[in-house]
Amino acid sequence: MEVVLKNLKKKDFEVIKSLAKALGFEIEKKEEQSPYNPEFVKKILDAQKEIEEGKGTKMTLEELDALWK
């Protein structure tokens, strides 16, 4: 049988781990992984930071529309 515990606090994990060890259970800890590519996330966060620093370019809707023509 497999049991999955989610949203477990670190302090509670130690208690559960001790209890499981005392009962002879096997503990396997897996961290949740983001479904997003870490390089992609970094690019997005860097771009957001640049915009906050005023390094972005403002465009009107007309200018944006002209890019597609």
C-alpha atoms as a PDB file:
ATOM      1  CA  MET A   1       0.000   0.000   0.000  1.00  0.00           C
ATOM      2  CA  GLU A   2       1.190   3.528  -0.736  1.00  0.00           C
ATOM      3  CA  VAL A   3       0.193   6.631   1.234  1.00  0.00           C
ATOM      4  CA  VAL A   4       0.827  10.164   0.003  1.00  0.00           C
ATOM      5  CA  LEU A   5       0.893  13.122   2.402  1.00  0.00           C
ATOM      6  CA  LYS A   6       0.608  16.573   0.834  1.00  0.00           C
ATOM      7  CA  ASN A   7       1.180  20.025   2.283  1.00  0.00           C
ATOM      8  CA  LEU A   8       3.055  18.567   5.242  1.00  0.00           C
ATOM      9  CA  LYS A   9       4.908  21.067   7.420  1.00  0.00           C
ATOM     10  CA  LYS A  10       8.603  20.427   7.980  1.00  0.00           C
ATOM     11  CA  LYS A  11       8.161  20.129  11.758  1.00  0.00           C
ATOM     12  CA  ASP A  12       5.369  17.586  11.272  1.00  0.00           C
ATOM     13  CA  PHE A  13       7.434  15.604   8.771  1.00  0.00           C
ATOM     14  CA  GLU A  14      10.011  14.803  11.429  1.00  0.00           C
ATOM     15  CA  VAL A  15       7.277  13.452  13.736  1.00  0.00           C
ATOM     16  CA  ILE A  16       5.740  11.336  10.966  1.00  0.00           C
ATOM     17  CA  LYS A  17       9.199  10.112   9.971  1.00  0.00           C
ATOM     18  CA  SER A  18       9.995   9.035  13.561  1.00  0.00           C
ATOM     19  CA  LEU A  19       6.655   7.272  13.920  1.00  0.00           C
ATOM     20  CA  ALA A  20       7.054   5.474  10.593  1.00  0.00           C
ATOM     21  CA  LYS A  21      10.564   4.378  11.511  1.00  0.00           C
ATOM     22  CA  ALA A  22       9.322   3.022  14.860  1.00  0.00           C
ATOM     23  CA  LEU A  23       6.616   1.052  13.048  1.00  0.00           C
ATOM     24  CA  GLY A  24       9.056  -0.258  10.440  1.00  0.00           C
ATOM     25  CA  PHE A  25       7.627   1.694   7.497  1.00  0.00           C
ATOM     26  CA  GLU A  26       9.686   2.909   4.590  1.00  0.00           C
ATOM     27  CA  ILE A  27       9.757   6.689   4.033  1.00  0.00           C
ATOM     28  CA  GLU A  28      10.363   8.192   0.623  1.00  0.00           C
ATOM     29  CA  LYS A  29      10.367  11.976   0.384  1.00  0.00           C
ATOM     30  CA  LYS A  30       9.668  13.571  -2.980  1.00  0.00           C
ATOM     31  CA  GLU A  31       9.607  17.292  -3.549  1.00  0.00           C
ATOM     32  CA  GLU A  32       6.979  18.558  -5.951  1.00  0.00           C
ATOM     33  CA  GLN A  33       8.471  19.691  -9.197  1.00  0.00           C
ATOM     34  CA  SER A  34       7.169  22.571 -11.209  1.00  0.00           C
ATOM     35  CA  PRO A  35       5.672  21.547 -14.548  1.00  0.00           C
ATOM     36  CA  TYR A  36       7.533  24.491 -16.118  1.00  0.00           C
ATOM     37  CA  ASN A  37      11.016  24.504 -17.590  1.00  0.00           C
ATOM     38  CA  PRO A  38      13.301  26.297 -15.069  1.00  0.00           C
ATOM     39  CA  GLU A  39      15.056  28.219 -17.871  1.00  0.00           C
ATOM     40  CA  PHE A  40      11.700  29.510 -19.123  1.00  0.00           C
ATOM     41  CA  VAL A  41      10.663  30.583 -15.618  1.00  0.00           C
ATOM     42  CA  LYS A  42      13.966  32.438 -15.179  1.00  0.00           C
ATOM     43  CA  LYS A  43      13.442  34.323 -18.461  1.00  0.00           C
ATOM     44  CA  ILE A  44       9.941  35.381 -17.416  1.00  0.00           C
ATOM     45  CA  LEU A  45      11.080  36.509 -13.955  1.00  0.00           C
ATOM     46  CA  ASP A  46      14.043  38.417 -15.431  1.00  0.00           C
ATOM     47  CA  ALA A  47      11.739  40.155 -17.929  1.00  0.00           C
ATOM     48  CA  GLN A  48       9.307  41.086 -15.148  1.00  0.00           C
ATOM     49  CA  LYS A  49      12.184  42.558 -13.130  1.00  0.00           C
ATOM     50  CA  GLU A  50      13.345  44.607 -16.129  1.00  0.00           C
ATOM     51  CA  ILE A  51       9.836  46.016 -16.602  1.00  0.00           C
ATOM     52  CA  GLU A  52       9.691  46.974 -12.919  1.00  0.00           C
ATOM     53  CA  GLU A  53      13.037  48.763 -13.365  1.00  0.00           C
ATOM     54  CA  GLY A  54      11.598  50.776 -16.260  1.00  0.00           C
ATOM     55  CA  LYS A  55      13.555  49.010 -18.987  1.00  0.00           C
ATOM     56  CA  GLY A  56      10.430  48.002 -20.938  1.00  0.00           C
ATOM     57  CA  THR A  57       8.957  49.662 -24.020  1.00  0.00           C
ATOM     58  CA  LYS A  58       5.460  51.133 -23.958  1.00  0.00           C
ATOM     59  CA  MET A  59       3.360  50.768 -27.097  1.00  0.00           C
ATOM     60  CA  THR A  60      -0.095  51.924 -28.045  1.00  0.00           C
ATOM     61  CA  LEU A  61      -2.637  49.471 -29.410  1.00  0.00           C
ATOM     62  CA  GLU A  62      -2.176  51.020 -32.854  1.00  0.00           C
ATOM     63  CA  GLU A  63       1.590  50.450 -32.745  1.00  0.00           C
ATOM     64  CA  LEU A  64       1.047  46.892 -31.603  1.00  0.00           C
ATOM     65  CA  ASP A  65      -1.517  46.296 -34.337  1.00  0.00           C
ATOM     66  CA  ALA A  66       0.900  47.661 -36.947  1.00  0.00           C
ATOM     67  CA  LEU A  67       3.399  44.922 -36.069  1.00  0.00           C
ATOM     68  CA  TRP A  68       1.000  42.298 -37.453  1.00  0.00           C
ATOM     69  CA  LYS A  69       0.409  44.014 -40.807  1.00  0.00           C
END
